[in-house]
Structures are given as structure tokens and as C-alpha cells.
Amino acid sequence: MAQFYFHLRRKDEQYPDIEGRDLPSVRQIEQQCLREARAMIGHDASAGCIDLTYTIEVRDAANRVVHVLKFQDAVEIVGGHAGTGAPPTAGGRG
């Protein structure tokens, strides 16, 4: 198994993964990355505001990028509305 680091990025901000994790394949890296992005998005949703501007950048022990996942690519948004967090009113947008 090889060591991989899942760094979180947003615009000019970077939150490095200093511990890393051992994973045996690129496929498992992709799956882990997707699970982590969706968990963070779920946490955002429970707080009432989803920020899809984040990216997870996975690097190997030699600091080479092996996978990148934008949060916006981790989920599909269907319907809904944007705004105050309150449901839309009967007359149109809320």
C-alpha cells in the first residue's frame, strides 16, 4: 500500500492533510475522495449552507497529484431553491 494525502482547497486557501492514509489503488483513492467530499457537503447541508467551491486534491508521498475532485462534481443538485433557507412562498421565489 502507498501513502496518499487528501488536501482540501478553496480559492487561495489550503488545508493540508498532514497524516495521510494508506490505500492500495487509484480506484480506492477515488472512492475515498468522493465519500469525504459528500460527508463534508452533508455537514454543510445540516448547517443550512452548502459551499461547493472546495476541491480535494490527492497527492502521493512524492507530492505528485494523483486525483482531484471538485465538490460540485461530487453531487447532483436537482430542483430546490437558493436564498434565505426558508421554503419558497406560494407566489414564487422565496
C-alpha atoms as a PDB file:
ATOM      1  CA  MET A   1       0.000   0.000   0.000  1.00  0.00           C
ATOM      2  CA  ALA A   2       1.054   3.568  -0.674  1.00  0.00           C
ATOM      3  CA  GLN A   3       0.583   6.738   1.357  1.00  0.00           C
ATOM      4  CA  PHE A   4      -1.758   9.440   0.000  1.00  0.00           C
ATOM      5  CA  TYR A   5      -2.636  12.897   1.288  1.00  0.00           C
ATOM      6  CA  PHE A   6      -6.115  14.394   0.839  1.00  0.00           C
ATOM      7  CA  HIS A   7      -5.605  18.177   0.814  1.00  0.00           C
ATOM      8  CA  LEU A   8      -8.662  20.430   0.962  1.00  0.00           C
ATOM      9  CA  ARG A   9      -8.532  23.605  -1.150  1.00  0.00           C
ATOM     10  CA  ARG A  10     -10.792  26.594  -1.624  1.00  0.00           C
ATOM     11  CA  LYS A  11      -9.729  29.559  -3.728  1.00  0.00           C
ATOM     12  CA  ASP A  12      -6.395  30.655  -2.228  1.00  0.00           C
ATOM     13  CA  GLU A  13      -6.892  28.653   0.977  1.00  0.00           C
ATOM     14  CA  GLN A  14      -5.349  25.240   1.559  1.00  0.00           C
ATOM     15  CA  TYR A  15      -5.978  22.833   4.415  1.00  0.00           C
ATOM     16  CA  PRO A  16      -3.258  20.187   4.210  1.00  0.00           C
ATOM     17  CA  ASP A  17      -3.694  16.574   5.233  1.00  0.00           C
ATOM     18  CA  ILE A  18      -0.582  16.026   7.329  1.00  0.00           C
ATOM     19  CA  GLU A  19      -1.398  12.448   8.356  1.00  0.00           C
ATOM     20  CA  GLY A  20      -2.281  10.867   5.039  1.00  0.00           C
ATOM     21  CA  ARG A  21      -3.656   7.367   4.658  1.00  0.00           C
ATOM     22  CA  ASP A  22      -2.645   4.079   3.117  1.00  0.00           C
ATOM     23  CA  LEU A  23      -4.703   2.986   0.125  1.00  0.00           C
ATOM     24  CA  PRO A  24      -3.933   0.166  -2.308  1.00  0.00           C
ATOM     25  CA  SER A  25      -5.331   1.510  -5.591  1.00  0.00           C
ATOM     26  CA  VAL A  26      -6.358   4.571  -7.571  1.00  0.00           C
ATOM     27  CA  ARG A  27      -9.942   3.280  -7.562  1.00  0.00           C
ATOM     28  CA  GLN A  28      -9.983   3.285  -3.762  1.00  0.00           C
ATOM     29  CA  ILE A  29      -8.488   6.791  -3.750  1.00  0.00           C
ATOM     30  CA  GLU A  30     -11.357   7.986  -5.953  1.00  0.00           C
ATOM     31  CA  GLN A  31     -13.966   6.268  -3.760  1.00  0.00           C
ATOM     32  CA  GLN A  32     -12.476   7.659  -0.530  1.00  0.00           C
ATOM     33  CA  CYS A  33     -12.279  11.139  -2.017  1.00  0.00           C
ATOM     34  CA  LEU A  34     -15.942  11.012  -3.060  1.00  0.00           C
ATOM     35  CA  ARG A  35     -17.027   9.751   0.376  1.00  0.00           C
ATOM     36  CA  GLU A  36     -15.130  12.528   2.135  1.00  0.00           C
ATOM     37  CA  ALA A  37     -16.458  15.269  -0.142  1.00  0.00           C
ATOM     38  CA  ARG A  38     -20.039  14.063   0.293  1.00  0.00           C
ATOM     39  CA  ALA A  39     -19.622  13.846   4.076  1.00  0.00           C
ATOM     40  CA  MET A  40     -18.413  17.466   4.197  1.00  0.00           C
ATOM     41  CA  ILE A  41     -21.247  18.583   1.915  1.00  0.00           C
ATOM     42  CA  GLY A  42     -23.706  16.737   4.182  1.00  0.00           C
ATOM     43  CA  HIS A  43     -22.282  18.540   7.201  1.00  0.00           C
ATOM     44  CA  ASP A  44     -22.695  21.862   5.361  1.00  0.00           C
ATOM     45  CA  ALA A  45     -26.285  20.949   4.472  1.00  0.00           C
ATOM     46  CA  SER A  46     -27.121  20.257   8.121  1.00  0.00           C
ATOM     47  CA  ALA A  47     -25.848  23.756   8.937  1.00  0.00           C
ATOM     48  CA  GLY A  48     -28.034  25.238   6.180  1.00  0.00           C
ATOM     49  CA  CYS A  49     -25.378  26.408   3.695  1.00  0.00           C
ATOM     50  CA  ILE A  50     -23.604  24.240   1.130  1.00  0.00           C
ATOM     51  CA  ASP A  51     -20.300  25.541  -0.216  1.00  0.00           C
ATOM     52  CA  LEU A  52     -19.357  23.763  -3.452  1.00  0.00           C
ATOM     53  CA  THR A  53     -16.233  25.862  -4.063  1.00  0.00           C
ATOM     54  CA  TYR A  54     -13.968  23.345  -2.313  1.00  0.00           C
ATOM     55  CA  THR A  55     -11.716  20.817  -4.028  1.00  0.00           C
ATOM     56  CA  ILE A  56      -9.957  17.752  -2.652  1.00  0.00           C
ATOM     57  CA  GLU A  57      -6.516  17.297  -4.172  1.00  0.00           C
ATOM     58  CA  VAL A  58      -4.922  13.909  -3.527  1.00  0.00           C
ATOM     59  CA  ARG A  59      -1.121  13.686  -3.618  1.00  0.00           C
ATOM     60  CA  ASP A  60       1.196  10.738  -3.214  1.00  0.00           C
ATOM     61  CA  ALA A  61       4.241  10.570  -0.929  1.00  0.00           C
ATOM     62  CA  ALA A  62       6.363  12.157  -3.705  1.00  0.00           C
ATOM     63  CA  ASN A  63       3.920  15.128  -3.751  1.00  0.00           C
ATOM     64  CA  ARG A  64       2.544  14.239  -7.202  1.00  0.00           C
ATOM     65  CA  VAL A  65      -1.161  14.957  -7.802  1.00  0.00           C
ATOM     66  CA  VAL A  66      -2.916  11.625  -8.373  1.00  0.00           C
ATOM     67  CA  HIS A  67      -6.567  12.713  -8.169  1.00  0.00           C
ATOM     68  CA  VAL A  68      -8.638  15.910  -7.944  1.00  0.00           C
ATOM     69  CA  LEU A  69     -12.323  16.156  -7.048  1.00  0.00           C
ATOM     70  CA  LYS A  70     -14.297  19.398  -7.082  1.00  0.00           C
ATOM     71  CA  PHE A  71     -17.171  19.353  -4.623  1.00  0.00           C
ATOM     72  CA  GLN A  72     -19.505  20.489  -7.409  1.00  0.00           C
ATOM     73  CA  ASP A  73     -18.702  17.200  -9.197  1.00  0.00           C
ATOM     74  CA  ALA A  74     -19.410  15.090  -6.091  1.00  0.00           C
ATOM     75  CA  VAL A  75     -23.165  15.692  -6.072  1.00  0.00           C
ATOM     76  CA  GLU A  76     -26.040  16.366  -8.407  1.00  0.00           C
ATOM     77  CA  ILE A  77     -28.320  19.265  -7.486  1.00  0.00           C
ATOM     78  CA  VAL A  78     -31.920  18.731  -8.553  1.00  0.00           C
ATOM     79  CA  GLY A  79     -34.647  21.359  -8.210  1.00  0.00           C
ATOM     80  CA  GLY A  80     -34.637  23.281  -4.969  1.00  0.00           C
ATOM     81  CA  HIS A  81     -34.102  26.946  -4.429  1.00  0.00           C
ATOM     82  CA  ALA A  82     -31.435  29.290  -3.222  1.00  0.00           C
ATOM     83  CA  GLY A  83     -31.962  32.020  -0.710  1.00  0.00           C
ATOM     84  CA  THR A  84     -32.829  32.504   2.914  1.00  0.00           C
ATOM     85  CA  GLY A  85     -33.135  28.891   3.959  1.00  0.00           C
ATOM     86  CA  ALA A  86     -36.885  29.287   4.217  1.00  0.00           C
ATOM     87  CA  PRO A  87     -39.161  27.384   1.839  1.00  0.00           C
ATOM     88  CA  PRO A  88     -40.341  29.334  -1.204  1.00  0.00           C
ATOM     89  CA  THR A  89     -43.603  31.234  -0.858  1.00  0.00           C
ATOM     90  CA  ALA A  90     -46.689  30.228  -2.803  1.00  0.00           C
ATOM     91  CA  GLY A  91     -46.383  33.238  -5.097  1.00  0.00           C
ATOM     92  CA  GLY A  92     -42.946  32.436  -6.493  1.00  0.00           C
ATOM     93  CA  ARG A  93     -39.331  32.563  -5.388  1.00  0.00           C
ATOM     94  CA  GLY A  94     -38.694  32.798  -1.658  1.00  0.00           C
END
